[in-house]
C-alpha atoms as a PDB file:
ATOM      1  CA  UNK A   1      36.000-155.655-187.357  1.00  0.00           C
ATOM      2  CA  UNK A   2      38.893-154.402-185.254  1.00  0.00           C
ATOM      3  CA  UNK A   3      38.232-153.352-181.698  1.00  0.00           C
ATOM      4  CA  UNK A   4      40.256-150.906-179.662  1.00  0.00           C
ATOM      5  CA  UNK A   5      40.137-150.429-175.917  1.00  0.00           C
ATOM      6  CA  UNK A   6      38.795-147.081-174.703  1.00  0.00           C
ATOM      7  CA  UNK A   7      41.396-144.595-173.463  1.00  0.00           C
ATOM      8  CA  UNK A   8      42.840-145.665-170.146  1.00  0.00           C
ATOM      9  CA  UNK A   9      41.226-149.102-170.155  1.00  0.00           C
ATOM     10  CA  UNK A  10      44.589-150.862-170.010  1.00  0.00           C
ATOM     11  CA  UNK A  11      45.762-148.811-167.026  1.00  0.00           C
ATOM     12  CA  UNK A  12      46.015-150.972-163.901  1.00  0.00           C
ATOM     13  CA  UNK A  13      44.766-148.206-161.566  1.00  0.00           C
ATOM     14  CA  UNK A  14      41.375-148.263-163.293  1.00  0.00           C
ATOM     15  CA  UNK A  15      41.005-151.920-162.343  1.00  0.00           C
ATOM     16  CA  UNK A  16      41.738-151.663-158.641  1.00  0.00           C
ATOM     17  CA  UNK A  17      45.500-152.218-158.742  1.00  0.00           C
ATOM     18  CA  UNK A  18      48.339-150.023-157.523  1.00  0.00           C
ATOM     19  CA  UNK A  19      52.046-150.384-158.225  1.00  0.00           C
ATOM     20  CA  UNK A  20      54.453-150.302-155.282  1.00  0.00           C
ATOM     21  CA  UNK A  21      58.219-150.583-154.969  1.00  0.00           C
ATOM     22  CA  UNK A  22      60.606-151.682-152.222  1.00  0.00           C
ATOM     23  CA  UNK A  23      64.319-150.954-152.366  1.00  0.00           C
ATOM     24  CA  UNK A  24      67.571-150.846-150.440  1.00  0.00           C
ATOM     25  CA  UNK A  25      69.854-148.042-151.675  1.00  0.00           C
ATOM     26  CA  UNK A  26      73.553-148.065-150.869  1.00  0.00           C
ATOM     27  CA  UNK A  27      74.374-146.233-147.638  1.00  0.00           C
ATOM     28  CA  UNK A  28      77.392-144.629-146.049  1.00  0.00           C
ATOM     29  CA  UNK A  29      77.398-144.769-142.247  1.00  0.00           C
ATOM     30  CA  UNK A  30      76.744-141.353-140.683  1.00  0.00           C
ATOM     31  CA  UNK A  31      76.576-139.572-144.068  1.00  0.00           C
ATOM     32  CA  UNK A  32      72.992-138.274-144.436  1.00  0.00           C
ATOM     33  CA  UNK A  33      73.846-136.110-147.450  1.00  0.00           C
ATOM     34  CA  UNK A  34      75.105-139.085-149.461  1.00  0.00           C
ATOM     35  CA  UNK A  35      72.285-141.332-148.282  1.00  0.00           C
ATOM     36  CA  UNK A  36      69.669-138.732-149.156  1.00  0.00           C
ATOM     37  CA  UNK A  37      71.077-138.574-152.664  1.00  0.00           C
ATOM     38  CA  UNK A  38      70.789-142.339-153.093  1.00  0.00           C
ATOM     39  CA  UNK A  39      67.210-142.274-151.777  1.00  0.00           C
ATOM     40  CA  UNK A  40      66.339-139.494-154.213  1.00  0.00           C
ATOM     41  CA  UNK A  41      67.799-141.446-157.133  1.00  0.00           C
ATOM     42  CA  UNK A  42      65.839-144.560-156.208  1.00  0.00           C
ATOM     43  CA  UNK A  43      62.637-142.524-155.864  1.00  0.00           C
ATOM     44  CA  UNK A  44      63.080-141.285-159.438  1.00  0.00           C
ATOM     45  CA  UNK A  45      63.682-144.846-160.570  1.00  0.00           C
ATOM     46  CA  UNK A  46      60.502-146.016-158.832  1.00  0.00           C
ATOM     47  CA  UNK A  47      58.466-143.199-160.362  1.00  0.00           C
ATOM     48  CA  UNK A  48      59.738-144.090-163.834  1.00  0.00           C
ATOM     49  CA  UNK A  49      58.545-147.651-163.208  1.00  0.00           C
ATOM     50  CA  UNK A  50      55.058-146.331-162.452  1.00  0.00           C
ATOM     51  CA  UNK A  51      55.148-146.979-158.693  1.00  0.00           C
ATOM     52  CA  UNK A  52      52.908-144.933-156.408  1.00  0.00           C
ATOM     53  CA  UNK A  53      54.851-145.908-153.277  1.00  0.00           C
ATOM     54  CA  UNK A  54      58.505-146.608-152.502  1.00  0.00           C
ATOM     55  CA  UNK A  55      59.581-148.180-149.202  1.00  0.00           C
ATOM     56  CA  UNK A  56      63.219-147.973-148.060  1.00  0.00           C
ATOM     57  CA  UNK A  57      65.027-149.376-144.985  1.00  0.00           C
ATOM     58  CA  UNK A  58      65.100-148.366-141.335  1.00  0.00           C
ATOM     59  CA  UNK A  59      67.335-145.367-140.565  1.00  0.00           C
ATOM     60  CA  UNK A  60      68.222-145.169-144.238  1.00  0.00           C
ATOM     61  CA  UNK A  61      69.232-141.514-143.974  1.00  0.00           C
ATOM     62  CA  UNK A  62      71.829-142.080-141.266  1.00  0.00           C
ATOM     63  CA  UNK A  63      72.508-145.826-141.607  1.00  0.00           C
ATOM     64  CA  UNK A  64      71.583-148.152-138.765  1.00  0.00           C
ATOM     65  CA  UNK A  65      74.841-149.487-137.333  1.00  0.00           C
ATOM     66  CA  UNK A  66      76.449-146.250-136.170  1.00  0.00           C
ATOM     67  CA  UNK A  67      76.057-146.775-132.413  1.00  0.00           C
ATOM     68  CA  UNK A  68      76.596-143.664-130.268  1.00  0.00           C
ATOM     69  CA  UNK A  69      76.856-141.396-133.295  1.00  0.00           C
ATOM     70  CA  UNK A  70      73.053-141.443-133.121  1.00  0.00           C
ATOM     71  CA  UNK A  71      73.348-138.996-130.219  1.00  0.00           C
ATOM     72  CA  UNK A  72      75.696-136.593-131.982  1.00  0.00           C
ATOM     73  CA  UNK A  73      74.100-133.240-132.779  1.00  0.00           C
ATOM     74  CA  UNK A  74      76.009-133.063-136.066  1.00  0.00           C
ATOM     75  CA  UNK A  75      74.482-136.367-137.184  1.00  0.00           C
ATOM     76  CA  UNK A  76      70.954-135.442-136.095  1.00  0.00           C
ATOM     77  CA  UNK A  77      71.195-131.994-137.691  1.00  0.00           C
ATOM     78  CA  UNK A  78      72.543-133.550-140.876  1.00  0.00           C
ATOM     79  CA  UNK A  79      69.722-136.088-141.032  1.00  0.00           C
ATOM     80  CA  UNK A  80      67.099-133.373-140.634  1.00  0.00           C
ATOM     81  CA  UNK A  81      68.724-131.241-143.316  1.00  0.00           C
ATOM     82  CA  UNK A  82      68.890-134.260-145.633  1.00  0.00           C
ATOM     83  CA  UNK A  83      65.182-134.876-145.043  1.00  0.00           C
ATOM     84  CA  UNK A  84      64.401-131.344-146.149  1.00  0.00           C
ATOM     85  CA  UNK A  85      66.502-131.705-149.297  1.00  0.00           C
ATOM     86  CA  UNK A  86      64.992-135.097-150.069  1.00  0.00           C
ATOM     87  CA  UNK A  87      61.463-133.726-149.751  1.00  0.00           C
ATOM     88  CA  UNK A  88      62.340-130.896-152.143  1.00  0.00           C
ATOM     89  CA  UNK A  89      64.142-133.137-154.648  1.00  0.00           C
ATOM     90  CA  UNK A  90      61.214-135.573-154.865  1.00  0.00           C
ATOM     91  CA  UNK A  91      58.451-132.945-154.858  1.00  0.00           C
ATOM     92  CA  UNK A  92      57.730-133.405-158.565  1.00  0.00           C
ATOM     93  CA  UNK A  93      57.412-137.195-158.353  1.00  0.00           C
ATOM     94  CA  UNK A  94      53.922-138.764-158.289  1.00  0.00           C
ATOM     95  CA  UNK A  95      54.675-141.157-155.437  1.00  0.00           C
ATOM     96  CA  UNK A  96      54.848-141.429-151.665  1.00  0.00           C
ATOM     97  CA  UNK A  97      58.343-142.111-150.333  1.00  0.00           C
ATOM     98  CA  UNK A  98      58.853-143.901-147.005  1.00  0.00           C
ATOM     99  CA  UNK A  99      62.243-143.265-145.392  1.00  0.00           C
ATOM    100  CA  UNK A 100      63.819-143.890-142.001  1.00  0.00           C
ATOM    101  CA  UNK A 101      65.695-141.351-139.889  1.00  0.00           C
ATOM    102  CA  UNK A 102      66.605-140.547-136.281  1.00  0.00           C
ATOM    103  CA  UNK A 103      64.341-137.739-135.058  1.00  0.00           C
ATOM    104  CA  UNK A 104      64.602-135.427-132.078  1.00  0.00           C
ATOM    105  CA  UNK A 105      61.160-134.835-130.608  1.00  0.00           C
ATOM    106  CA  UNK A 106      60.592-133.029-127.312  1.00  0.00           C
ATOM    107  CA  UNK A 107      64.123-133.712-126.139  1.00  0.00           C
ATOM    108  CA  UNK A 108      64.189-137.426-126.991  1.00  0.00           C
ATOM    109  CA  UNK A 109      65.622-139.259-130.001  1.00  0.00           C
ATOM    110  CA  UNK A 110      63.255-141.625-131.814  1.00  0.00           C
ATOM    111  CA  UNK A 111      63.822-144.195-134.547  1.00  0.00           C
ATOM    112  CA  UNK A 112      61.162-143.101-137.034  1.00  0.00           C
ATOM    113  CA  UNK A 113      59.675-143.816-140.416  1.00  0.00           C
ATOM    114  CA  UNK A 114      58.487-140.812-142.412  1.00  0.00           C
ATOM    115  CA  UNK A 115      56.203-140.429-145.417  1.00  0.00           C
ATOM    116  CA  UNK A 116      57.284-137.813-147.963  1.00  0.00           C
ATOM    117  CA  UNK A 117      54.987-136.679-150.756  1.00  0.00           C
ATOM    118  CA  UNK A 118      55.084-133.735-153.167  1.00  0.00           C
ATOM    119  CA  UNK A 119      57.528-131.788-151.029  1.00  0.00           C
ATOM    120  CA  UNK A 120      55.655-132.368-147.779  1.00  0.00           C
ATOM    121  CA  UNK A 121      56.517-134.595-144.837  1.00  0.00           C
ATOM    122  CA  UNK A 122      53.073-136.076-144.241  1.00  0.00           C
ATOM    123  CA  UNK A 123      53.865-137.746-140.933  1.00  0.00           C
ATOM    124  CA  UNK A 124      56.444-139.531-138.793  1.00  0.00           C
ATOM    125  CA  UNK A 125      55.867-142.855-137.020  1.00  0.00           C
ATOM    126  CA  UNK A 126      58.220-143.809-134.150  1.00  0.00           C
ATOM    127  CA  UNK A 127      59.344-147.373-133.506  1.00  0.00           C
ATOM    128  CA  UNK A 128      57.281-148.948-130.743  1.00  0.00           C
ATOM    129  CA  UNK A 129      59.426-151.865-129.586  1.00  0.00           C
ATOM    130  CA  UNK A 130      63.184-151.461-129.248  1.00  0.00           C
ATOM    131  CA  UNK A 131      65.220-154.691-129.283  1.00  0.00           C
ATOM    132  CA  UNK A 132      67.713-154.824-126.449  1.00  0.00           C
ATOM    133  CA  UNK A 133      68.903-158.423-126.556  1.00  0.00           C
ATOM    134  CA  UNK A 134      71.751-160.386-128.155  1.00  0.00           C
ATOM    135  CA  UNK A 135      73.398-158.112-130.722  1.00  0.00           C
ATOM    136  CA  UNK A 136      70.827-155.316-130.306  1.00  0.00           C
ATOM    137  CA  UNK A 137      70.888-152.436-127.844  1.00  0.00           C
ATOM    138  CA  UNK A 138      68.525-149.855-129.322  1.00  0.00           C
ATOM    139  CA  UNK A 139      67.201-148.811-125.911  1.00  0.00           C
ATOM    140  CA  UNK A 140      70.619-147.212-125.394  1.00  0.00           C
ATOM    141  CA  UNK A 141      70.010-144.861-128.329  1.00  0.00           C
ATOM    142  CA  UNK A 142      66.278-144.325-128.736  1.00  0.00           C
ATOM    143  CA  UNK A 143      63.079-143.664-126.823  1.00  0.00           C
ATOM    144  CA  UNK A 144      60.150-145.981-127.670  1.00  0.00           C
ATOM    145  CA  UNK A 145      56.886-144.673-129.078  1.00  0.00           C
ATOM    146  CA  UNK A 146      55.164-145.119-125.703  1.00  0.00           C
ATOM    147  CA  UNK A 147      57.470-142.466-124.243  1.00  0.00           C
ATOM    148  CA  UNK A 148      56.802-139.877-126.946  1.00  0.00           C
ATOM    149  CA  UNK A 149      56.140-136.536-125.280  1.00  0.00           C
ATOM    150  CA  UNK A 150      54.430-134.868-128.244  1.00  0.00           C
ATOM    151  CA  UNK A 151      52.071-135.769-131.071  1.00  0.00           C
ATOM    152  CA  UNK A 152      53.570-133.262-133.496  1.00  0.00           C
ATOM    153  CA  UNK A 153      57.139-132.388-134.382  1.00  0.00           C
ATOM    154  CA  UNK A 154      58.974-129.745-136.360  1.00  0.00           C
ATOM    155  CA  UNK A 155      61.009-131.560-139.007  1.00  0.00           C
ATOM    156  CA  UNK A 156      63.032-129.668-141.620  1.00  0.00           C
ATOM    157  CA  UNK A 157      60.907-126.592-140.970  1.00  0.00           C
ATOM    158  CA  UNK A 158      57.595-128.423-141.376  1.00  0.00           C
ATOM    159  CA  UNK A 159      54.957-129.079-138.718  1.00  0.00           C
ATOM    160  CA  UNK A 160      54.550-132.866-138.895  1.00  0.00           C
ATOM    161  CA  UNK A 161      52.093-135.271-137.190  1.00  0.00           C
ATOM    162  CA  UNK A 162      54.053-137.682-134.987  1.00  0.00           C
ATOM    163  CA  UNK A 163      52.897-140.960-133.453  1.00  0.00           C
ATOM    164  CA  UNK A 164      51.900-144.575-134.000  1.00  0.00           C
ATOM    165  CA  UNK A 165      48.280-143.535-134.609  1.00  0.00           C
ATOM    166  CA  UNK A 166      48.774-142.276-138.168  1.00  0.00           C
ATOM    167  CA  UNK A 167      47.058-143.588-141.293  1.00  0.00           C
ATOM    168  CA  UNK A 168      47.810-142.137-144.721  1.00  0.00           C
ATOM    169  CA  UNK A 169      44.794-142.134-147.064  1.00  0.00           C
ATOM    170  CA  UNK A 170      45.283-141.771-150.813  1.00  0.00           C
ATOM    171  CA  UNK A 171      42.108-139.837-151.527  1.00  0.00           C
ATOM    172  CA  UNK A 172      42.253-140.440-155.279  1.00  0.00           C
ATOM    173  CA  UNK A 173      43.028-144.169-155.001  1.00  0.00           C
ATOM    174  CA  UNK A 174      40.127-145.987-153.312  1.00  0.00           C
ATOM    175  CA  UNK A 175      41.260-148.721-150.954  1.00  0.00           C
ATOM    176  CA  UNK A 176      44.808-147.398-150.489  1.00  0.00           C
ATOM    177  CA  UNK A 177      45.446-146.616-146.820  1.00  0.00           C
ATOM    178  CA  UNK A 178      49.062-146.797-145.671  1.00  0.00           C
ATOM    179  CA  UNK A 179      50.438-147.577-142.208  1.00  0.00           C
ATOM    180  CA  UNK A 180      54.045-147.841-141.046  1.00  0.00           C
ATOM    181  CA  UNK A 181      55.858-149.965-138.514  1.00  0.00           C
ATOM    182  CA  UNK A 182      59.578-150.336-137.894  1.00  0.00           C
ATOM    183  CA  UNK A 183      61.465-153.647-137.950  1.00  0.00           C
ATOM    184  CA  UNK A 184      61.106-155.255-134.491  1.00  0.00           C
ATOM    185  CA  UNK A 185      57.493-154.086-134.264  1.00  0.00           C
ATOM    186  CA  UNK A 186      56.331-156.992-136.438  1.00  0.00           C
ATOM    187  CA  UNK A 187      58.209-159.540-134.294  1.00  0.00           C
ATOM    188  CA  UNK A 188      55.985-158.802-131.275  1.00  0.00           C
ATOM    189  CA  UNK A 189      52.802-160.642-130.167  1.00  0.00           C
ATOM    190  CA  UNK A 190      50.574-157.690-131.099  1.00  0.00           C
ATOM    191  CA  UNK A 191      52.350-155.577-133.717  1.00  0.00           C
ATOM    192  CA  UNK A 192      51.241-151.971-134.262  1.00  0.00           C
ATOM    193  CA  UNK A 193      50.136-152.950-137.767  1.00  0.00           C
ATOM    194  CA  UNK A 194      47.396-155.170-136.302  1.00  0.00           C
ATOM    195  CA  UNK A 195      45.588-152.181-134.823  1.00  0.00           C
ATOM    196  CA  UNK A 196      46.295-150.130-137.938  1.00  0.00           C
ATOM    197  CA  UNK A 197      44.795-152.819-140.175  1.00  0.00           C
ATOM    198  CA  UNK A 198      41.680-153.045-138.010  1.00  0.00           C
ATOM    199  CA  UNK A 199      41.407-149.258-138.302  1.00  0.00           C
ATOM    200  CA  UNK A 200      41.482-149.493-142.099  1.00  0.00           C
ATOM    201  CA  UNK A 201      45.100-149.785-143.261  1.00  0.00           C
ATOM    202  CA  UNK A 202      45.348-151.928-146.399  1.00  0.00           C
ATOM    203  CA  UNK A 203      49.066-151.433-147.104  1.00  0.00           C
ATOM    204  CA  UNK A 204      51.621-151.812-144.304  1.00  0.00           C
ATOM    205  CA  UNK A 205      55.219-150.737-144.875  1.00  0.00           C
ATOM    206  CA  UNK A 206      57.927-152.105-142.571  1.00  0.00           C
ATOM    207  CA  UNK A 207      61.225-150.218-142.551  1.00  0.00           C
ATOM    208  CA  UNK A 208      63.769-152.714-141.280  1.00  0.00           C
ATOM    209  CA  UNK A 209      67.473-153.039-140.564  1.00  0.00           C
ATOM    210  CA  UNK A 210      67.268-156.724-139.678  1.00  0.00           C
ATOM    211  CA  UNK A 211      70.769-158.166-139.813  1.00  0.00           C
ATOM    212  CA  UNK A 212      71.506-161.454-141.568  1.00  0.00           C
ATOM    213  CA  UNK A 213      71.963-164.710-139.675  1.00  0.00           C
ATOM    214  CA  UNK A 214      71.673-168.304-140.878  1.00  0.00           C
ATOM    215  CA  UNK A 215      68.011-169.204-141.370  1.00  0.00           C
ATOM    216  CA  UNK A 216      66.682-165.756-140.507  1.00  0.00           C
ATOM    217  CA  UNK A 217      65.307-165.064-143.984  1.00  0.00           C
ATOM    218  CA  UNK A 218      62.899-167.992-143.626  1.00  0.00           C
ATOM    219  CA  UNK A 219      61.583-166.521-140.391  1.00  0.00           C
ATOM    220  CA  UNK A 220      61.159-163.107-142.033  1.00  0.00           C
ATOM    221  CA  UNK A 221      59.134-164.768-144.777  1.00  0.00           C
ATOM    222  CA  UNK A 222      56.943-166.460-142.182  1.00  0.00           C
ATOM    223  CA  UNK A 223      56.361-163.165-140.374  1.00  0.00           C
ATOM    224  CA  UNK A 224      55.453-161.225-143.512  1.00  0.00           C
ATOM    225  CA  UNK A 225      53.343-164.018-144.970  1.00  0.00           C
ATOM    226  CA  UNK A 226      51.274-164.655-141.847  1.00  0.00           C
ATOM    227  CA  UNK A 227      50.970-160.962-140.979  1.00  0.00           C
ATOM    228  CA  UNK A 228      49.611-160.127-144.425  1.00  0.00           C
ATOM    229  CA  UNK A 229      47.237-163.099-144.238  1.00  0.00           C
ATOM    230  CA  UNK A 230      45.903-162.372-140.739  1.00  0.00           C
ATOM    231  CA  UNK A 231      45.527-158.670-141.388  1.00  0.00           C
ATOM    232  CA  UNK A 232      44.157-159.116-144.935  1.00  0.00           C
ATOM    233  CA  UNK A 233      46.589-156.513-146.197  1.00  0.00           C
ATOM    234  CA  UNK A 234      49.607-155.972-148.380  1.00  0.00           C
ATOM    235  CA  UNK A 235      52.834-156.130-146.381  1.00  0.00           C
ATOM    236  CA  UNK A 236      55.991-154.485-147.713  1.00  0.00           C
ATOM    237  CA  UNK A 237      59.337-155.193-146.070  1.00  0.00           C
ATOM    238  CA  UNK A 238      62.725-153.570-146.689  1.00  0.00           C
ATOM    239  CA  UNK A 239      65.892-154.552-144.788  1.00  0.00           C
ATOM    240  CA  UNK A 240      69.211-152.705-144.724  1.00  0.00           C
ATOM    241  CA  UNK A 241      71.838-153.853-147.177  1.00  0.00           C
ATOM    242  CA  UNK A 242      75.106-152.851-148.773  1.00  0.00           C
ATOM    243  CA  UNK A 243      77.110-150.123-147.088  1.00  0.00           C
ATOM    244  CA  UNK A 244      75.994-150.743-143.506  1.00  0.00           C
ATOM    245  CA  UNK A 245      78.829-151.253-141.044  1.00  0.00           C
ATOM    246  CA  UNK A 246      79.982-154.876-140.847  1.00  0.00           C
ATOM    247  CA  UNK A 247      82.011-154.408-137.669  1.00  0.00           C
ATOM    248  CA  UNK A 248      79.617-156.633-135.723  1.00  0.00           C
ATOM    249  CA  UNK A 249      76.849-157.634-138.133  1.00  0.00           C
ATOM    250  CA  UNK A 250      76.092-158.774-141.681  1.00  0.00           C
ATOM    251  CA  UNK A 251      73.368-157.334-143.912  1.00  0.00           C
ATOM    252  CA  UNK A 252      71.462-158.843-146.821  1.00  0.00           C
ATOM    253  CA  UNK A 253      69.146-156.128-148.211  1.00  0.00           C
ATOM    254  CA  UNK A 254      66.146-158.453-148.000  1.00  0.00           C
ATOM    255  CA  UNK A 255      63.078-156.917-149.681  1.00  0.00           C
ATOM    256  CA  UNK A 256      59.662-158.558-149.997  1.00  0.00           C
ATOM    257  CA  UNK A 257      56.131-157.716-151.064  1.00  0.00           C
ATOM    258  CA  UNK A 258      53.317-159.913-149.732  1.00  0.00           C
ATOM    259  CA  UNK A 259      49.576-159.668-150.322  1.00  0.00           C
ATOM    260  CA  UNK A 260      47.142-161.657-148.174  1.00  0.00           C
ATOM    261  CA  UNK A 261      49.694-164.431-147.658  1.00  0.00           C
ATOM    262  CA  UNK A 262      50.966-164.513-151.258  1.00  0.00           C
ATOM    263  CA  UNK A 263      54.530-163.516-152.150  1.00  0.00           C
ATOM    264  CA  UNK A 264      54.412-161.107-155.098  1.00  0.00           C
ATOM    265  CA  UNK A 265      58.084-160.109-155.298  1.00  0.00           C
ATOM    266  CA  UNK A 266      61.393-160.660-153.523  1.00  0.00           C
ATOM    267  CA  UNK A 267      64.835-159.119-154.045  1.00  0.00           C
ATOM    268  CA  UNK A 268      67.993-161.225-154.234  1.00  0.00           C
ATOM    269  CA  UNK A 269      69.848-161.141-150.928  1.00  0.00           C
ATOM    270  CA  UNK A 270      73.493-160.068-150.498  1.00  0.00           C
ATOM    271  CA  UNK A 271      73.427-158.291-153.853  1.00  0.00           C
ATOM    272  CA  UNK A 272      76.195-155.930-154.941  1.00  0.00           C
ATOM    273  CA  UNK A 273      73.603-153.858-156.808  1.00  0.00           C
ATOM    274  CA  UNK A 274      71.033-151.391-155.508  1.00  0.00           C
ATOM    275  CA  UNK A 275      68.061-153.719-155.651  1.00  0.00           C
ATOM    276  CA  UNK A 276      64.502-152.481-156.133  1.00  0.00           C
ATOM    277  CA  UNK A 277      61.497-154.749-156.559  1.00  0.00           C
ATOM    278  CA  UNK A 278      58.133-153.752-158.000  1.00  0.00           C
ATOM    279  CA  UNK A 279      54.715-155.410-157.818  1.00  0.00           C
ATOM    280  CA  UNK A 280      51.079-154.539-158.447  1.00  0.00           C
ATOM    281  CA  UNK A 281      48.759-154.846-155.450  1.00  0.00           C
ATOM    282  CA  UNK A 282      45.129-155.861-155.941  1.00  0.00           C
ATOM    283  CA  UNK A 283      43.278-153.407-153.702  1.00  0.00           C
ATOM    284  CA  UNK A 284      39.895-154.724-154.837  1.00  0.00           C
ATOM    285  CA  UNK A 285      40.886-158.219-153.722  1.00  0.00           C
ATOM    286  CA  UNK A 286      41.792-156.973-150.250  1.00  0.00           C
ATOM    287  CA  UNK A 287      38.517-155.069-149.956  1.00  0.00           C
ATOM    288  CA  UNK A 288      36.541-158.134-151.034  1.00  0.00           C
ATOM    289  CA  UNK A 289      38.358-160.386-148.562  1.00  0.00           C
ATOM    290  CA  UNK A 290      37.716-158.010-145.686  1.00  0.00           C
ATOM    291  CA  UNK A 291      34.043-157.769-146.606  1.00  0.00           C
ATOM    292  CA  UNK A 292      33.793-161.569-146.747  1.00  0.00           C
ATOM    293  CA  UNK A 293      35.697-162.284-143.535  1.00  0.00           C
ATOM    294  CA  UNK A 294      33.281-161.369-140.759  1.00  0.00           C
ATOM    295  CA  UNK A 295      35.726-162.272-137.959  1.00  0.00           C
ATOM    296  CA  UNK A 296      38.057-159.496-139.153  1.00  0.00           C
ATOM    297  CA  UNK A 297      35.370-156.868-138.502  1.00  0.00           C
ATOM    298  CA  UNK A 298      34.366-158.572-135.265  1.00  0.00           C
ATOM    299  CA  UNK A 299      37.956-158.447-134.018  1.00  0.00           C
ATOM    300  CA  UNK A 300      38.138-154.746-134.873  1.00  0.00           C
ATOM    301  CA  UNK A 301      34.896-154.191-132.957  1.00  0.00           C
ATOM    302  CA  UNK A 302      36.184-156.041-129.883  1.00  0.00           C
ATOM    303  CA  UNK A 303      39.597-154.330-129.906  1.00  0.00           C
ATOM    304  CA  UNK A 304      39.016-150.609-130.412  1.00  0.00           C
ATOM    305  CA  UNK A 305      42.083-148.351-130.317  1.00  0.00           C
ATOM    306  CA  UNK A 306      42.767-146.330-127.195  1.00  0.00           C
ATOM    307  CA  UNK A 307      42.075-143.252-129.279  1.00  0.00           C
ATOM    308  CA  UNK A 308      40.988-142.794-132.896  1.00  0.00           C
ATOM    309  CA  UNK A 309      43.686-142.954-135.531  1.00  0.00           C
ATOM    310  CA  UNK A 310      44.620-139.664-137.148  1.00  0.00           C
ATOM    311  CA  UNK A 311      43.988-139.894-140.880  1.00  0.00           C
ATOM    312  CA  UNK A 312      46.196-137.886-143.212  1.00  0.00           C
ATOM    313  CA  UNK A 313      44.823-137.415-146.698  1.00  0.00           C
ATOM    314  CA  UNK A 314      46.935-136.892-149.798  1.00  0.00           C
ATOM    315  CA  UNK A 315      46.550-137.273-153.566  1.00  0.00           C
ATOM    316  CA  UNK A 316      48.822-139.647-155.443  1.00  0.00           C
ATOM    317  CA  UNK A 317      47.520-138.456-158.815  1.00  0.00           C
ATOM    318  CA  UNK A 318      48.402-141.709-160.625  1.00  0.00           C
ATOM    319  CA  UNK A 319      48.646-141.647-164.412  1.00  0.00           C
ATOM    320  CA  UNK A 320      45.293-143.178-165.357  1.00  0.00           C
ATOM    321  CA  UNK A 321      45.813-143.255-169.113  1.00  0.00           C
ATOM    322  CA  UNK A 322      49.237-144.914-169.222  1.00  0.00           C
ATOM    323  CA  UNK A 323      49.479-148.613-170.029  1.00  0.00           C
ATOM    324  CA  UNK A 324      51.859-149.891-167.355  1.00  0.00           C
ATOM    325  CA  UNK A 325      51.237-153.564-167.973  1.00  0.00           C
ATOM    326  CA  UNK A 326      50.718-155.808-164.947  1.00  0.00           C
ATOM    327  CA  UNK A 327      53.641-156.876-162.742  1.00  0.00           C
ATOM    328  CA  UNK A 328      52.157-159.714-160.801  1.00  0.00           C
ATOM    329  CA  UNK A 329      52.624-163.490-160.749  1.00  0.00           C
ATOM    330  CA  UNK A 330      49.740-165.123-162.630  1.00  0.00           C
ATOM    331  CA  UNK A 331      49.318-168.848-162.158  1.00  0.00           C
ATOM    332  CA  UNK A 332      48.400-170.866-165.236  1.00  0.00           C
ATOM    333  CA  UNK A 333      46.350-173.167-163.015  1.00  0.00           C
ATOM    334  CA  UNK A 334      45.329-170.981-160.056  1.00  0.00           C
ATOM    335  CA  UNK A 335      43.540-173.725-158.124  1.00  0.00           C
ATOM    336  CA  UNK A 336      46.393-176.233-158.026  1.00  0.00           C
ATOM    337  CA  UNK A 337      50.035-175.697-156.985  1.00  0.00           C
ATOM    338  CA  UNK A 338      52.696-175.493-159.684  1.00  0.00           C
ATOM    339  CA  UNK A 339      55.155-177.527-157.604  1.00  0.00           C
ATOM    340  CA  UNK A 340      54.659-181.214-158.561  1.00  0.00           C
ATOM    341  CA  UNK A 341      55.738-182.466-155.136  1.00  0.00           C
ATOM    342  CA  UNK A 342      53.288-180.136-153.411  1.00  0.00           C
ATOM    343  CA  UNK A 343      50.535-181.174-155.827  1.00  0.00           C
ATOM    344  CA  UNK A 344      51.213-184.859-155.116  1.00  0.00           C
ATOM    345  CA  UNK A 345      51.070-184.246-151.377  1.00  0.00           C
ATOM    346  CA  UNK A 346      47.750-182.409-151.607  1.00  0.00           C
ATOM    347  CA  UNK A 347      46.229-185.043-153.868  1.00  0.00           C
ATOM    348  CA  UNK A 348      47.331-187.764-151.465  1.00  0.00           C
ATOM    349  CA  UNK A 349      45.719-185.851-148.604  1.00  0.00           C
ATOM    350  CA  UNK A 350      42.486-185.409-150.563  1.00  0.00           C
ATOM    351  CA  UNK A 351      42.227-189.129-151.311  1.00  0.00           C
ATOM    352  CA  UNK A 352      43.039-190.324-147.780  1.00  0.00           C
END
């Protein structure tokens, strides 16, 4: 007798998964209108792939390497106008879009990540730690989060929550709570995402413009892998790529998706194409790991935030009856490594 699955049974959302995307659109330095158009196109592409979230790089609306242009009123006005257009153009898409832009707030300019959803700007998170060493001099251009003079901002005509204390709760997707941090933040001893994770964030999105140097990609992997493992979260990372100014720096468009220490997807570096990677996160797995790991809760108890996080609710409205398949590496033998050399080393260790 033939058997058929009930309607919606094959949909990944019904089994505790959520599809996310990370991409690096082409940019033109100091051209927010063009960059907003590329971000809009990639958002449509992510929605067609069934993603509920798309992360893009740091300062993706303006480009990162534009130096003192970041203080030009024309550039800042253009970025804000592009944000408004981008919010309107993506209003019909069933996903949250994370973009980077320079923001004027209470007379200061901040390097911020913003969450756009259904035509609304849900919130803006300023960068906490500004690199000012070697090839970096962000303190020349931006104010850090600690110097923010307001907890709300008017952006493209919308009243928007502003600060590092924002969590974005998908009310129709249990276990999906999003937090943002910006590039250098994760390189610090106590990244903002640590406090966000202890407050309930399960998905952390890092907007980055990390330039390329020899061996740096390995260090990025180590940061994302260990951060996702320590925080028992999914960690999404998107670095700036093609189109950024190469006057002083090189860019590789490095994109990664980690979940509790496991690499789910990675984009090819130095690509001539607009790369976008997609993976399915196991939210039930993260919830189970946090419930099992008592020290995680104990650490949250012993390190309360200075003030409660502000929680911003929204509805992703994922398609629950569509069979999206499952985009996730599945090991044939999950309890032993696939790499023969690694397997030999572990077996030798076990028999010592």
